[in-house]
Amino acid sequence: MTTVSLTLHGDPEDVDSQARQLRTELLDLDVDSADFAAGGPAPELSKGADADTVSTIIVALTTSPVLVQLGRVLRDWVRRDERRKIEVRDGDRSIVLTNTTAEDNSAAIEAFFRREPGD
């Protein structure tokens, strides 16, 4: 099974709703799960979870074709708003997607996601 961590960056007020929207799109893929990162208890006197918890989605999947689909969904999602930025981590590998990188580096993005689980 492959586990990929997605961290959204941006205005904290926008990130929560964007993360929830992205998670809904990810669940339409054949992923095993797409869950928000588990965080510790909220700090005393805070109004809820910390920004890292609500802006990081852990995606688990078992087949490499789904990994390629995930890459395409993320690339397209970032393209829809010039302010979007998402960091993708897969083990020791990582890539940062922005509207600019999604337009200019489609081949690099495809290469990052086109691999066999366990590579």
PDB file of N, CA and C in Angstrom:
ATOM      1  N   MET A   1       0.852  -1.180   0.000  1.00  0.00           N
ATOM      2  CA  MET A   1       0.000   0.000   0.000  1.00  0.00           C
ATOM      3  C   MET A   1       0.891   1.234   0.000  1.00  0.00           C
ATOM      4  N   THR A   2       0.513   2.214  -0.766  1.00  0.00           N
ATOM      5  CA  THR A   2       1.213   3.484  -0.840  1.00  0.00           C
ATOM      6  C   THR A   2       0.433   4.523  -0.051  1.00  0.00           C
ATOM      7  N   THR A   3       1.148   5.314   0.731  1.00  0.00           N
ATOM      8  CA  THR A   3       0.531   6.395   1.487  1.00  0.00           C
ATOM      9  C   THR A   3       1.175   7.699   1.047  1.00  0.00           C
ATOM     10  N   VAL A   4       0.357   8.655   0.656  1.00  0.00           N
ATOM     11  CA  VAL A   4       0.819   9.951   0.185  1.00  0.00           C
ATOM     12  C   VAL A   4       0.240  11.019   1.096  1.00  0.00           C
ATOM     13  N   SER A   5       1.086  11.956   1.504  1.00  0.00           N
ATOM     14  CA  SER A   5       0.663  13.060   2.362  1.00  0.00           C
ATOM     15  C   SER A   5       0.532  14.319   1.514  1.00  0.00           C
ATOM     16  N   LEU A   6      -0.610  14.972   1.595  1.00  0.00           N
ATOM     17  CA  LEU A   6      -0.873  16.202   0.852  1.00  0.00           C
ATOM     18  C   LEU A   6      -1.062  17.335   1.844  1.00  0.00           C
ATOM     19  N   THR A   7      -0.246  18.369   1.737  1.00  0.00           N
ATOM     20  CA  THR A   7      -0.383  19.518   2.629  1.00  0.00           C
ATOM     21  C   THR A   7      -0.695  20.755   1.807  1.00  0.00           C
ATOM     22  N   LEU A   8      -1.829  21.364   2.094  1.00  0.00           N
ATOM     23  CA  LEU A   8      -2.235  22.572   1.403  1.00  0.00           C
ATOM     24  C   LEU A   8      -1.655  23.780   2.122  1.00  0.00           C
ATOM     25  N   HIS A   9      -1.262  24.770   1.348  1.00  0.00           N
ATOM     26  CA  HIS A   9      -0.707  26.001   1.910  1.00  0.00           C
ATOM     27  C   HIS A   9      -1.566  27.174   1.449  1.00  0.00           C
ATOM     28  N   GLY A  10      -1.595  28.208   2.257  1.00  0.00           N
ATOM     29  CA  GLY A  10      -2.341  29.400   1.874  1.00  0.00           C
ATOM     30  C   GLY A  10      -2.992  30.049   3.070  1.00  0.00           C
ATOM     31  N   ASP A  11      -3.917  30.921   2.785  1.00  0.00           N
ATOM     32  CA  ASP A  11      -4.660  31.652   3.804  1.00  0.00           C
ATOM     33  C   ASP A  11      -5.403  30.653   4.687  1.00  0.00           C
ATOM     34  N   PRO A  12      -5.157  30.688   5.999  1.00  0.00           N
ATOM     35  CA  PRO A  12      -5.797  29.712   6.894  1.00  0.00           C
ATOM     36  C   PRO A  12      -7.314  29.667   6.773  1.00  0.00           C
ATOM     37  N   GLU A  13      -7.933  30.798   6.476  1.00  0.00           N
ATOM     38  CA  GLU A  13      -9.396  30.807   6.357  1.00  0.00           C
ATOM     39  C   GLU A  13      -9.867  30.056   5.116  1.00  0.00           C
ATOM     40  N   ASP A  14      -9.040  30.040   4.064  1.00  0.00           N
ATOM     41  CA  ASP A  14      -9.402  29.346   2.840  1.00  0.00           C
ATOM     42  C   ASP A  14      -8.989  27.879   2.850  1.00  0.00           C
ATOM     43  N   VAL A  15      -7.903  27.583   3.540  1.00  0.00           N
ATOM     44  CA  VAL A  15      -7.332  26.237   3.491  1.00  0.00           C
ATOM     45  C   VAL A  15      -8.306  25.182   3.999  1.00  0.00           C
ATOM     46  N   ASP A  16      -9.032  25.464   5.048  1.00  0.00           N
ATOM     47  CA  ASP A  16      -9.954  24.479   5.595  1.00  0.00           C
ATOM     48  C   ASP A  16     -10.994  24.064   4.555  1.00  0.00           C
ATOM     49  N   SER A  17     -11.659  25.030   3.938  1.00  0.00           N
ATOM     50  CA  SER A  17     -12.686  24.682   2.954  1.00  0.00           C
ATOM     51  C   SER A  17     -12.067  24.052   1.704  1.00  0.00           C
ATOM     52  N   GLN A  18     -10.891  24.517   1.298  1.00  0.00           N
ATOM     53  CA  GLN A  18     -10.229  23.935   0.142  1.00  0.00           C
ATOM     54  C   GLN A  18      -9.822  22.488   0.420  1.00  0.00           C
ATOM     55  N   ALA A  19      -9.327  22.218   1.621  1.00  0.00           N
ATOM     56  CA  ALA A  19      -8.926  20.859   1.986  1.00  0.00           C
ATOM     57  C   ALA A  19     -10.129  19.923   1.974  1.00  0.00           C
ATOM     58  N   ARG A  20     -11.244  20.395   2.475  1.00  0.00           N
ATOM     59  CA  ARG A  20     -12.462  19.564   2.475  1.00  0.00           C
ATOM     60  C   ARG A  20     -12.956  19.312   1.050  1.00  0.00           C
ATOM     61  N   GLN A  21     -12.879  20.316   0.202  1.00  0.00           N
ATOM     62  CA  GLN A  21     -13.277  20.160  -1.193  1.00  0.00           C
ATOM     63  C   GLN A  21     -12.356  19.157  -1.892  1.00  0.00           C
ATOM     64  N   LEU A  22     -11.050  19.291  -1.681  1.00  0.00           N
ATOM     65  CA  LEU A  22     -10.100  18.376  -2.304  1.00  0.00           C
ATOM     66  C   LEU A  22     -10.314  16.948  -1.805  1.00  0.00           C
ATOM     67  N   ARG A  23     -10.539  16.783  -0.534  1.00  0.00           N
ATOM     68  CA  ARG A  23     -10.769  15.441   0.027  1.00  0.00           C
ATOM     69  C   ARG A  23     -11.981  14.787  -0.627  1.00  0.00           C
ATOM     70  N   THR A  24     -13.039  15.555  -0.849  1.00  0.00           N
ATOM     71  CA  THR A  24     -14.229  15.026  -1.520  1.00  0.00           C
ATOM     72  C   THR A  24     -13.879  14.540  -2.925  1.00  0.00           C
ATOM     73  N   GLU A  25     -13.072  15.310  -3.651  1.00  0.00           N
ATOM     74  CA  GLU A  25     -12.654  14.903  -4.990  1.00  0.00           C
ATOM     75  C   GLU A  25     -11.803  13.638  -4.935  1.00  0.00           C
ATOM     76  N   LEU A  26     -10.935  13.534  -3.942  1.00  0.00           N
ATOM     77  CA  LEU A  26     -10.070  12.364  -3.817  1.00  0.00           C
ATOM     78  C   LEU A  26     -10.866  11.105  -3.522  1.00  0.00           C
ATOM     79  N   LEU A  27     -11.926  11.239  -2.757  1.00  0.00           N
ATOM     80  CA  LEU A  27     -12.756  10.079  -2.432  1.00  0.00           C
ATOM     81  C   LEU A  27     -13.490   9.541  -3.658  1.00  0.00           C
ATOM     82  N   ASP A  28     -13.598  10.347  -4.715  1.00  0.00           N
ATOM     83  CA  ASP A  28     -14.189   9.869  -5.959  1.00  0.00           C
ATOM     84  C   ASP A  28     -13.241   8.932  -6.716  1.00  0.00           C
ATOM     85  N   LEU A  29     -11.952   8.963  -6.369  1.00  0.00           N
ATOM     86  CA  LEU A  29     -10.985   8.040  -6.956  1.00  0.00           C
ATOM     87  C   LEU A  29     -11.089   6.699  -6.234  1.00  0.00           C
ATOM     88  N   ASP A  30     -10.416   5.713  -6.743  1.00  0.00           N
ATOM     89  CA  ASP A  30     -10.428   4.389  -6.125  1.00  0.00           C
ATOM     90  C   ASP A  30      -9.332   4.293  -5.061  1.00  0.00           C
ATOM     91  N   VAL A  31      -9.324   5.262  -4.124  1.00  0.00           N
ATOM     92  CA  VAL A  31      -8.346   5.252  -3.041  1.00  0.00           C
ATOM     93  C   VAL A  31      -8.908   4.437  -1.883  1.00  0.00           C
ATOM     94  N   ASP A  32      -7.990   3.879  -1.075  1.00  0.00           N
ATOM     95  CA  ASP A  32      -8.435   3.131   0.098  1.00  0.00           C
ATOM     96  C   ASP A  32      -8.947   4.070   1.179  1.00  0.00           C
ATOM     97  N   SER A  33      -8.295   5.231   1.305  1.00  0.00           N
ATOM     98  CA  SER A  33      -8.758   6.231   2.275  1.00  0.00           C
ATOM     99  C   SER A  33      -8.165   7.585   1.923  1.00  0.00           C
ATOM    100  N   ALA A  34      -8.818   8.626   2.396  1.00  0.00           N
ATOM    101  CA  ALA A  34      -8.348  10.012   2.287  1.00  0.00           C
ATOM    102  C   ALA A  34      -8.828  10.707   3.550  1.00  0.00           C
ATOM    103  N   ASP A  35      -7.933  10.776   4.529  1.00  0.00           N
ATOM    104  CA  ASP A  35      -8.318  11.292   5.842  1.00  0.00           C
ATOM    105  C   ASP A  35      -7.431  12.461   6.239  1.00  0.00           C
ATOM    106  N   PHE A  36      -7.990  13.357   7.034  1.00  0.00           N
ATOM    107  CA  PHE A  36      -7.190  14.447   7.567  1.00  0.00           C
ATOM    108  C   PHE A  36      -6.179  13.875   8.543  1.00  0.00           C
ATOM    109  N   ALA A  37      -5.005  14.490   8.580  1.00  0.00           N
ATOM    110  CA  ALA A  37      -3.949  14.021   9.475  1.00  0.00           C
ATOM    111  C   ALA A  37      -4.429  14.072  10.912  1.00  0.00           C
ATOM    112  N   ALA A  38      -4.041  13.070  11.657  1.00  0.00           N
ATOM    113  CA  ALA A  38      -4.408  13.035  13.073  1.00  0.00           C
ATOM    114  C   ALA A  38      -3.543  14.037  13.818  1.00  0.00           C
ATOM    115  N   GLY A  39      -4.175  14.892  14.547  1.00  0.00           N
ATOM    116  CA  GLY A  39      -3.441  15.862  15.348  1.00  0.00           C
ATOM    117  C   GLY A  39      -3.633  15.559  16.814  1.00  0.00           C
ATOM    118  N   GLY A  40      -2.829  16.178  17.601  1.00  0.00           N
ATOM    119  CA  GLY A  40      -2.988  16.026  19.039  1.00  0.00           C
ATOM    120  C   GLY A  40      -4.177  16.838  19.500  1.00  0.00           C
ATOM    121  N   PRO A  41      -4.397  16.881  20.790  1.00  0.00           N
ATOM    122  CA  PRO A  41      -5.507  17.684  21.292  1.00  0.00           C
ATOM    123  C   PRO A  41      -5.284  19.162  20.986  1.00  0.00           C
ATOM    124  N   ALA A  42      -6.369  19.852  20.818  1.00  0.00           N
ATOM    125  CA  ALA A  42      -6.274  21.288  20.546  1.00  0.00           C
ATOM    126  C   ALA A  42      -5.643  22.004  21.733  1.00  0.00           C
ATOM    127  N   PRO A  43      -4.803  23.003  21.454  1.00  0.00           N
ATOM    128  CA  PRO A  43      -4.191  23.754  22.555  1.00  0.00           C
ATOM    129  C   PRO A  43      -5.247  24.415  23.428  1.00  0.00           C
ATOM    130  N   GLU A  44      -4.908  24.577  24.697  1.00  0.00           N
ATOM    131  CA  GLU A  44      -5.819  25.212  25.640  1.00  0.00           C
ATOM    132  C   GLU A  44      -6.209  26.599  25.141  1.00  0.00           C
ATOM    133  N   LEU A  45      -7.466  26.946  25.255  1.00  0.00           N
ATOM    134  CA  LEU A  45      -8.045  28.227  24.844  1.00  0.00           C
ATOM    135  C   LEU A  45      -8.097  28.414  23.329  1.00  0.00           C
ATOM    136  N   SER A  46      -7.806  27.367  22.553  1.00  0.00           N
ATOM    137  CA  SER A  46      -7.881  27.504  21.095  1.00  0.00           C
ATOM    138  C   SER A  46      -9.314  27.255  20.644  1.00  0.00           C
ATOM    139  N   LYS A  47      -9.567  27.558  19.393  1.00  0.00           N
ATOM    140  CA  LYS A  47     -10.912  27.396  18.851  1.00  0.00           C
ATOM    141  C   LYS A  47     -11.046  26.117  18.039  1.00  0.00           C
ATOM    142  N   GLY A  48     -10.083  25.229  18.125  1.00  0.00           N
ATOM    143  CA  GLY A  48     -10.203  23.973  17.388  1.00  0.00           C
ATOM    144  C   GLY A  48      -8.857  23.424  16.995  1.00  0.00           C
ATOM    145  N   ALA A  49      -8.857  22.622  15.953  1.00  0.00           N
ATOM    146  CA  ALA A  49      -7.658  21.939  15.493  1.00  0.00           C
ATOM    147  C   ALA A  49      -6.654  22.934  14.919  1.00  0.00           C
ATOM    148  N   ASP A  50      -5.370  22.529  14.935  1.00  0.00           N
ATOM    149  CA  ASP A  50      -4.348  23.407  14.383  1.00  0.00           C
ATOM    150  C   ASP A  50      -4.401  23.361  12.854  1.00  0.00           C
ATOM    151  N   ALA A  51      -3.795  24.350  12.214  1.00  0.00           N
ATOM    152  CA  ALA A  51      -3.865  24.473  10.757  1.00  0.00           C
ATOM    153  C   ALA A  51      -3.255  23.275  10.046  1.00  0.00           C
ATOM    154  N   ASP A  52      -2.178  22.697  10.582  1.00  0.00           N
ATOM    155  CA  ASP A  52      -1.560  21.542   9.940  1.00  0.00           C
ATOM    156  C   ASP A  52      -2.499  20.351   9.914  1.00  0.00           C
ATOM    157  N   THR A  53      -3.298  20.187  10.938  1.00  0.00           N
ATOM    158  CA  THR A  53      -4.216  19.057  10.990  1.00  0.00           C
ATOM    159  C   THR A  53      -5.287  19.173   9.915  1.00  0.00           C
ATOM    160  N   VAL A  54      -5.885  20.319   9.752  1.00  0.00           N
ATOM    161  CA  VAL A  54      -6.965  20.466   8.781  1.00  0.00           C
ATOM    162  C   VAL A  54      -6.457  20.690   7.366  1.00  0.00           C
ATOM    163  N   SER A  55      -5.155  20.937   7.192  1.00  0.00           N
ATOM    164  CA  SER A  55      -4.652  21.189   5.848  1.00  0.00           C
ATOM    165  C   SER A  55      -3.820  20.029   5.308  1.00  0.00           C
ATOM    166  N   THR A  56      -3.699  18.937   6.051  1.00  0.00           N
ATOM    167  CA  THR A  56      -2.955  17.778   5.581  1.00  0.00           C
ATOM    168  C   THR A  56      -3.897  16.594   5.438  1.00  0.00           C
ATOM    169  N   ILE A  57      -3.876  16.006   4.257  1.00  0.00           N
ATOM    170  CA  ILE A  57      -4.711  14.847   3.955  1.00  0.00           C
ATOM    171  C   ILE A  57      -3.780  13.670   3.685  1.00  0.00           C
ATOM    172  N   ILE A  58      -4.034  12.554   4.340  1.00  0.00           N
ATOM    173  CA  ILE A  58      -3.258  11.343   4.122  1.00  0.00           C
ATOM    174  C   ILE A  58      -4.085  10.439   3.204  1.00  0.00           C
ATOM    175  N   VAL A  59      -3.523  10.115   2.050  1.00  0.00           N
ATOM    176  CA  VAL A  59      -4.218   9.290   1.061  1.00  0.00           C
ATOM    177  C   VAL A  59      -3.524   7.934   1.005  1.00  0.00           C
ATOM    178  N   ALA A  60      -4.287   6.872   1.146  1.00  0.00           N
ATOM    179  CA  ALA A  60      -3.760   5.514   1.036  1.00  0.00           C
ATOM    180  C   ALA A  60      -4.363   4.852  -0.195  1.00  0.00           C
ATOM    181  N   LEU A  61      -3.517   4.194  -0.988  1.00  0.00           N
ATOM    182  CA  LEU A  61      -3.977   3.514  -2.184  1.00  0.00           C
ATOM    183  C   LEU A  61      -3.118   2.290  -2.458  1.00  0.00           C
ATOM    184  N   THR A  62      -3.663   1.345  -3.206  1.00  0.00           N
ATOM    185  CA  THR A  62      -2.947   0.094  -3.421  1.00  0.00           C
ATOM    186  C   THR A  62      -2.507  -0.126  -4.857  1.00  0.00           C
ATOM    187  N   THR A  63      -3.006   0.645  -5.803  1.00  0.00           N
ATOM    188  CA  THR A  63      -2.621   0.405  -7.192  1.00  0.00           C
ATOM    189  C   THR A  63      -1.972   1.632  -7.810  1.00  0.00           C
ATOM    190  N   SER A  64      -0.960   1.388  -8.656  1.00  0.00           N
ATOM    191  CA  SER A  64      -0.260   2.509  -9.279  1.00  0.00           C
ATOM    192  C   SER A  64      -1.117   3.294 -10.271  1.00  0.00           C
ATOM    193  N   PRO A  65      -2.093   2.679 -10.984  1.00  0.00           N
ATOM    194  CA  PRO A  65      -2.950   3.511 -11.839  1.00  0.00           C
ATOM    195  C   PRO A  65      -3.697   4.589 -11.046  1.00  0.00           C
ATOM    196  N   VAL A  66      -4.073   4.290  -9.824  1.00  0.00           N
ATOM    197  CA  VAL A  66      -4.753   5.280  -8.990  1.00  0.00           C
ATOM    198  C   VAL A  66      -3.780   6.393  -8.609  1.00  0.00           C
ATOM    199  N   LEU A  67      -2.510   6.052  -8.432  1.00  0.00           N
ATOM    200  CA  LEU A  67      -1.496   7.057  -8.127  1.00  0.00           C
ATOM    201  C   LEU A  67      -1.386   8.057  -9.277  1.00  0.00           C
ATOM    202  N   VAL A  68      -1.418   7.571 -10.503  1.00  0.00           N
ATOM    203  CA  VAL A  68      -1.381   8.452 -11.673  1.00  0.00           C
ATOM    204  C   VAL A  68      -2.635   9.326 -11.706  1.00  0.00           C
ATOM    205  N   GLN A  69      -3.799   8.731 -11.436  1.00  0.00           N
ATOM    206  CA  GLN A  69      -5.044   9.510 -11.388  1.00  0.00           C
ATOM    207  C   GLN A  69      -4.970  10.576 -10.303  1.00  0.00           C
ATOM    208  N   LEU A  70      -4.386  10.224  -9.159  1.00  0.00           N
ATOM    209  CA  LEU A  70      -4.223  11.181  -8.060  1.00  0.00           C
ATOM    210  C   LEU A  70      -3.399  12.368  -8.536  1.00  0.00           C
ATOM    211  N   GLY A  71      -2.312  12.108  -9.235  1.00  0.00           N
ATOM    212  CA  GLY A  71      -1.479  13.189  -9.760  1.00  0.00           C
ATOM    213  C   GLY A  71      -2.239  14.109 -10.679  1.00  0.00           C
ATOM    214  N   ARG A  72      -3.060  13.548 -11.521  1.00  0.00           N
ATOM    215  CA  ARG A  72      -3.853  14.368 -12.448  1.00  0.00           C
ATOM    216  C   ARG A  72      -4.903  15.195 -11.717  1.00  0.00           C
ATOM    217  N   VAL A  73      -5.554  14.595 -10.728  1.00  0.00           N
ATOM    218  CA  VAL A  73      -6.551  15.338  -9.942  1.00  0.00           C
ATOM    219  C   VAL A  73      -5.890  16.505  -9.224  1.00  0.00           C
ATOM    220  N   LEU A  74      -4.732  16.267  -8.611  1.00  0.00           N
ATOM    221  CA  LEU A  74      -4.039  17.333  -7.888  1.00  0.00           C
ATOM    222  C   LEU A  74      -3.571  18.430  -8.840  1.00  0.00           C
ATOM    223  N   ARG A  75      -3.021  18.042  -9.985  1.00  0.00           N
ATOM    224  CA  ARG A  75      -2.579  19.026 -10.980  1.00  0.00           C
ATOM    225  C   ARG A  75      -3.758  19.899 -11.411  1.00  0.00           C
ATOM    226  N   ASP A  76      -4.892  19.271 -11.724  1.00  0.00           N
ATOM    227  CA  ASP A  76      -6.065  20.024 -12.165  1.00  0.00           C
ATOM    228  C   ASP A  76      -6.633  20.887 -11.044  1.00  0.00           C
ATOM    229  N   TRP A  77      -6.614  20.377  -9.814  1.00  0.00           N
ATOM    230  CA  TRP A  77      -7.132  21.118  -8.669  1.00  0.00           C
ATOM    231  C   TRP A  77      -6.320  22.395  -8.445  1.00  0.00           C
ATOM    232  N   VAL A  78      -5.005  22.299  -8.554  1.00  0.00           N
ATOM    233  CA  VAL A  78      -4.139  23.465  -8.357  1.00  0.00           C
ATOM    234  C   VAL A  78      -4.348  24.485  -9.476  1.00  0.00           C
ATOM    235  N   ARG A  79      -4.600  24.028 -10.672  1.00  0.00           N
ATOM    236  CA  ARG A  79      -4.792  24.929 -11.814  1.00  0.00           C
ATOM    237  C   ARG A  79      -6.037  25.805 -11.675  1.00  0.00           C
ATOM    238  N   ARG A  80      -7.000  25.390 -10.866  1.00  0.00           N
ATOM    239  CA  ARG A  80      -8.272  26.122 -10.781  1.00  0.00           C
ATOM    240  C   ARG A  80      -8.184  27.443 -10.021  1.00  0.00           C
ATOM    241  N   ASP A  81      -7.092  27.672  -9.317  1.00  0.00           N
ATOM    242  CA  ASP A  81      -6.946  28.923  -8.560  1.00  0.00           C
ATOM    243  C   ASP A  81      -5.464  29.257  -8.492  1.00  0.00           C
ATOM    244  N   GLU A  82      -5.104  30.423  -8.962  1.00  0.00           N
ATOM    245  CA  GLU A  82      -3.683  30.791  -9.044  1.00  0.00           C
ATOM    246  C   GLU A  82      -2.998  30.879  -7.689  1.00  0.00           C
ATOM    247  N   ARG A  83      -3.771  30.939  -6.603  1.00  0.00           N
ATOM    248  CA  ARG A  83      -3.165  31.046  -5.273  1.00  0.00           C
ATOM    249  C   ARG A  83      -2.954  29.693  -4.605  1.00  0.00           C
ATOM    250  N   ARG A  84      -3.416  28.617  -5.214  1.00  0.00           N
ATOM    251  CA  ARG A  84      -3.311  27.304  -4.573  1.00  0.00           C
ATOM    252  C   ARG A  84      -1.888  26.765  -4.624  1.00  0.00           C
ATOM    253  N   LYS A  85      -1.535  26.107  -3.533  1.00  0.00           N
ATOM    254  CA  LYS A  85      -0.214  25.481  -3.423  1.00  0.00           C
ATOM    255  C   LYS A  85      -0.390  24.223  -2.574  1.00  0.00           C
ATOM    256  N   ILE A  86       0.157  23.117  -3.050  1.00  0.00           N
ATOM    257  CA  ILE A  86       0.035  21.868  -2.315  1.00  0.00           C
ATOM    258  C   ILE A  86       1.373  21.137  -2.360  1.00  0.00           C
ATOM    259  N   GLU A  87       1.788  20.640  -1.210  1.00  0.00           N
ATOM    260  CA  GLU A  87       3.007  19.846  -1.115  1.00  0.00           C
ATOM    261  C   GLU A  87       2.609  18.377  -1.020  1.00  0.00           C
ATOM    262  N   VAL A  88       3.204  17.562  -1.888  1.00  0.00           N
ATOM    263  CA  VAL A  88       2.915  16.133  -1.927  1.00  0.00           C
ATOM    264  C   VAL A  88       4.152  15.386  -1.442  1.00  0.00           C
ATOM    265  N   ARG A  89       3.955  14.507  -0.444  1.00  0.00           N
ATOM    266  CA  ARG A  89       5.061  13.696   0.076  1.00  0.00           C
ATOM    267  C   ARG A  89       4.714  12.235  -0.103  1.00  0.00           C
ATOM    268  N   ASP A  90       5.703  11.504  -0.641  1.00  0.00           N
ATOM    269  CA  ASP A  90       5.579  10.064  -0.829  1.00  0.00           C
ATOM    270  C   ASP A  90       6.890   9.464  -0.322  1.00  0.00           C
ATOM    271  N   GLY A  91       6.909   9.092   0.943  1.00  0.00           N
ATOM    272  CA  GLY A  91       8.157   8.608   1.550  1.00  0.00           C
ATOM    273  C   GLY A  91       9.167   9.742   1.606  1.00  0.00           C
ATOM    274  N   ASP A  92      10.325   9.526   1.020  1.00  0.00           N
ATOM    275  CA  ASP A  92      11.382  10.542   1.006  1.00  0.00           C
ATOM    276  C   ASP A  92      11.246  11.516  -0.153  1.00  0.00           C
ATOM    277  N   ARG A  93      10.338  11.233  -1.059  1.00  0.00           N
ATOM    278  CA  ARG A  93      10.156  12.095  -2.228  1.00  0.00           C
ATOM    279  C   ARG A  93       9.094  13.146  -1.948  1.00  0.00           C
ATOM    280  N   SER A  94       9.264  14.320  -2.549  1.00  0.00           N
ATOM    281  CA  SER A  94       8.231  15.347  -2.416  1.00  0.00           C
ATOM    282  C   SER A  94       8.234  16.224  -3.658  1.00  0.00           C
ATOM    283  N   ILE A  95       7.097  16.849  -3.887  1.00  0.00           N
ATOM    284  CA  ILE A  95       6.949  17.795  -4.987  1.00  0.00           C
ATOM    285  C   ILE A  95       5.962  18.861  -4.526  1.00  0.00           C
ATOM    286  N   VAL A  96       6.206  20.096  -4.901  1.00  0.00           N
ATOM    287  CA  VAL A  96       5.301  21.199  -4.572  1.00  0.00           C
ATOM    288  C   VAL A  96       4.607  21.616  -5.865  1.00  0.00           C
ATOM    289  N   LEU A  97       3.283  21.627  -5.819  1.00  0.00           N
ATOM    290  CA  LEU A  97       2.487  22.010  -6.983  1.00  0.00           C
ATOM    291  C   LEU A  97       1.866  23.379  -6.750  1.00  0.00           C
ATOM    292  N   THR A  98       2.045  24.243  -7.717  1.00  0.00           N
ATOM    293  CA  THR A  98       1.368  25.538  -7.726  1.00  0.00           C
ATOM    294  C   THR A  98       0.731  25.679  -9.098  1.00  0.00           C
ATOM    295  N   ASN A  99      -0.028  26.724  -9.285  1.00  0.00           N
ATOM    296  CA  ASN A  99      -0.643  26.952 -10.584  1.00  0.00           C
ATOM    297  C   ASN A  99       0.434  27.023 -11.659  1.00  0.00           C
ATOM    298  N   THR A 100       1.537  27.678 -11.366  1.00  0.00           N
ATOM    299  CA  THR A 100       2.624  27.824 -12.334  1.00  0.00           C
ATOM    300  C   THR A 100       3.281  26.492 -12.629  1.00  0.00           C
ATOM    301  N   THR A 101       3.606  25.714 -11.599  1.00  0.00           N
ATOM    302  CA  THR A 101       4.261  24.432 -11.848  1.00  0.00           C
ATOM    303  C   THR A 101       3.326  23.471 -12.557  1.00  0.00           C
ATOM    304  N   ALA A 102       2.044  23.539 -12.277  1.00  0.00           N
ATOM    305  CA  ALA A 102       1.095  22.651 -12.933  1.00  0.00           C
ATOM    306  C   ALA A 102       1.045  22.925 -14.432  1.00  0.00           C
ATOM    307  N   GLU A 103       1.144  24.181 -14.814  1.00  0.00           N
ATOM    308  CA  GLU A 103       1.116  24.544 -16.234  1.00  0.00           C
ATOM    309  C   GLU A 103       2.439  24.212 -16.917  1.00  0.00           C
ATOM    310  N   ASP A 104       3.549  24.534 -16.278  1.00  0.00           N
ATOM    311  CA  ASP A 104       4.857  24.427 -16.913  1.00  0.00           C
ATOM    312  C   ASP A 104       5.517  23.067 -16.788  1.00  0.00           C
ATOM    313  N   ASN A 105       5.152  22.296 -15.790  1.00  0.00           N
ATOM    314  CA  ASN A 105       5.881  21.064 -15.509  1.00  0.00           C
ATOM    315  C   ASN A 105       4.995  19.829 -15.497  1.00  0.00           C
ATOM    316  N   SER A 106       4.072  19.750 -16.426  1.00  0.00           N
ATOM    317  CA  SER A 106       3.174  18.598 -16.466  1.00  0.00           C
ATOM    318  C   SER A 106       3.944  17.288 -16.556  1.00  0.00           C
ATOM    319  N   ALA A 107       5.028  17.268 -17.336  1.00  0.00           N
ATOM    320  CA  ALA A 107       5.801  16.032 -17.499  1.00  0.00           C
ATOM    321  C   ALA A 107       6.450  15.620 -16.180  1.00  0.00           C
ATOM    322  N   ALA A 108       6.988  16.575 -15.426  1.00  0.00           N
ATOM    323  CA  ALA A 108       7.619  16.263 -14.134  1.00  0.00           C
ATOM    324  C   ALA A 108       6.581  15.769 -13.127  1.00  0.00           C
ATOM    325  N   ILE A 109       5.411  16.360 -13.155  1.00  0.00           N
ATOM    326  CA  ILE A 109       4.341  15.942 -12.250  1.00  0.00           C
ATOM    327  C   ILE A 109       3.906  14.521 -12.597  1.00  0.00           C
ATOM    328  N   GLU A 110       3.721  14.244 -13.882  1.00  0.00           N
ATOM    329  CA  GLU A 110       3.343  12.887 -14.311  1.00  0.00           C
ATOM    330  C   GLU A 110       4.417  11.883 -13.894  1.00  0.00           C
ATOM    331  N   ALA A 111       5.690  12.232 -14.060  1.00  0.00           N
ATOM    332  CA  ALA A 111       6.784  11.321 -13.698  1.00  0.00           C
ATOM    333  C   ALA A 111       6.794  11.042 -12.195  1.00  0.00           C
ATOM    334  N   PHE A 112       6.505  12.049 -11.389  1.00  0.00           N
ATOM    335  CA  PHE A 112       6.486  11.862  -9.941  1.00  0.00           C
ATOM    336  C   PHE A 112       5.442  10.820  -9.549  1.00  0.00           C
ATOM    337  N   PHE A 113       4.286  10.876 -10.173  1.00  0.00           N
ATOM    338  CA  PHE A 113       3.187   9.983  -9.807  1.00  0.00           C
ATOM    339  C   PHE A 113       3.186   8.662 -10.586  1.00  0.00           C
ATOM    340  N   ARG A 114       3.970   8.562 -11.643  1.00  0.00           N
ATOM    341  CA  ARG A 114       3.999   7.342 -12.437  1.00  0.00           C
ATOM    342  C   ARG A 114       5.109   6.440 -11.922  1.00  0.00           C
ATOM    343  N   ARG A 115       4.790   5.646 -10.966  1.00  0.00           N
ATOM    344  CA  ARG A 115       5.746   4.702 -10.387  1.00  0.00           C
ATOM    345  C   ARG A 115       4.988   3.546  -9.773  1.00  0.00           C
ATOM    346  N   GLU A 116       5.681   2.474  -9.538  1.00  0.00           N
ATOM    347  CA  GLU A 116       5.066   1.305  -8.916  1.00  0.00           C
ATOM    348  C   GLU A 116       5.131   1.451  -7.403  1.00  0.00           C
ATOM    349  N   PRO A 117       4.101   1.015  -6.685  1.00  0.00           N
ATOM    350  CA  PRO A 117       4.161   1.055  -5.230  1.00  0.00           C
ATOM    351  C   PRO A 117       5.398   0.295  -4.746  1.00  0.00           C
ATOM    352  N   GLY A 118       6.087   0.888  -3.779  1.00  0.00           N
ATOM    353  CA  GLY A 118       7.293   0.272  -3.233  1.00  0.00           C
ATOM    354  C   GLY A 118       8.560   0.754  -3.899  1.00  0.00           C
ATOM    355  N   ASP A 119       8.464   1.549  -4.984  1.00  0.00           N
ATOM    356  CA  ASP A 119       9.663   2.087  -5.638  1.00  0.00           C
ATOM    357  C   ASP A 119      10.365   3.065  -4.734  1.00  0.00           C
TER     358      ASP A 119
END
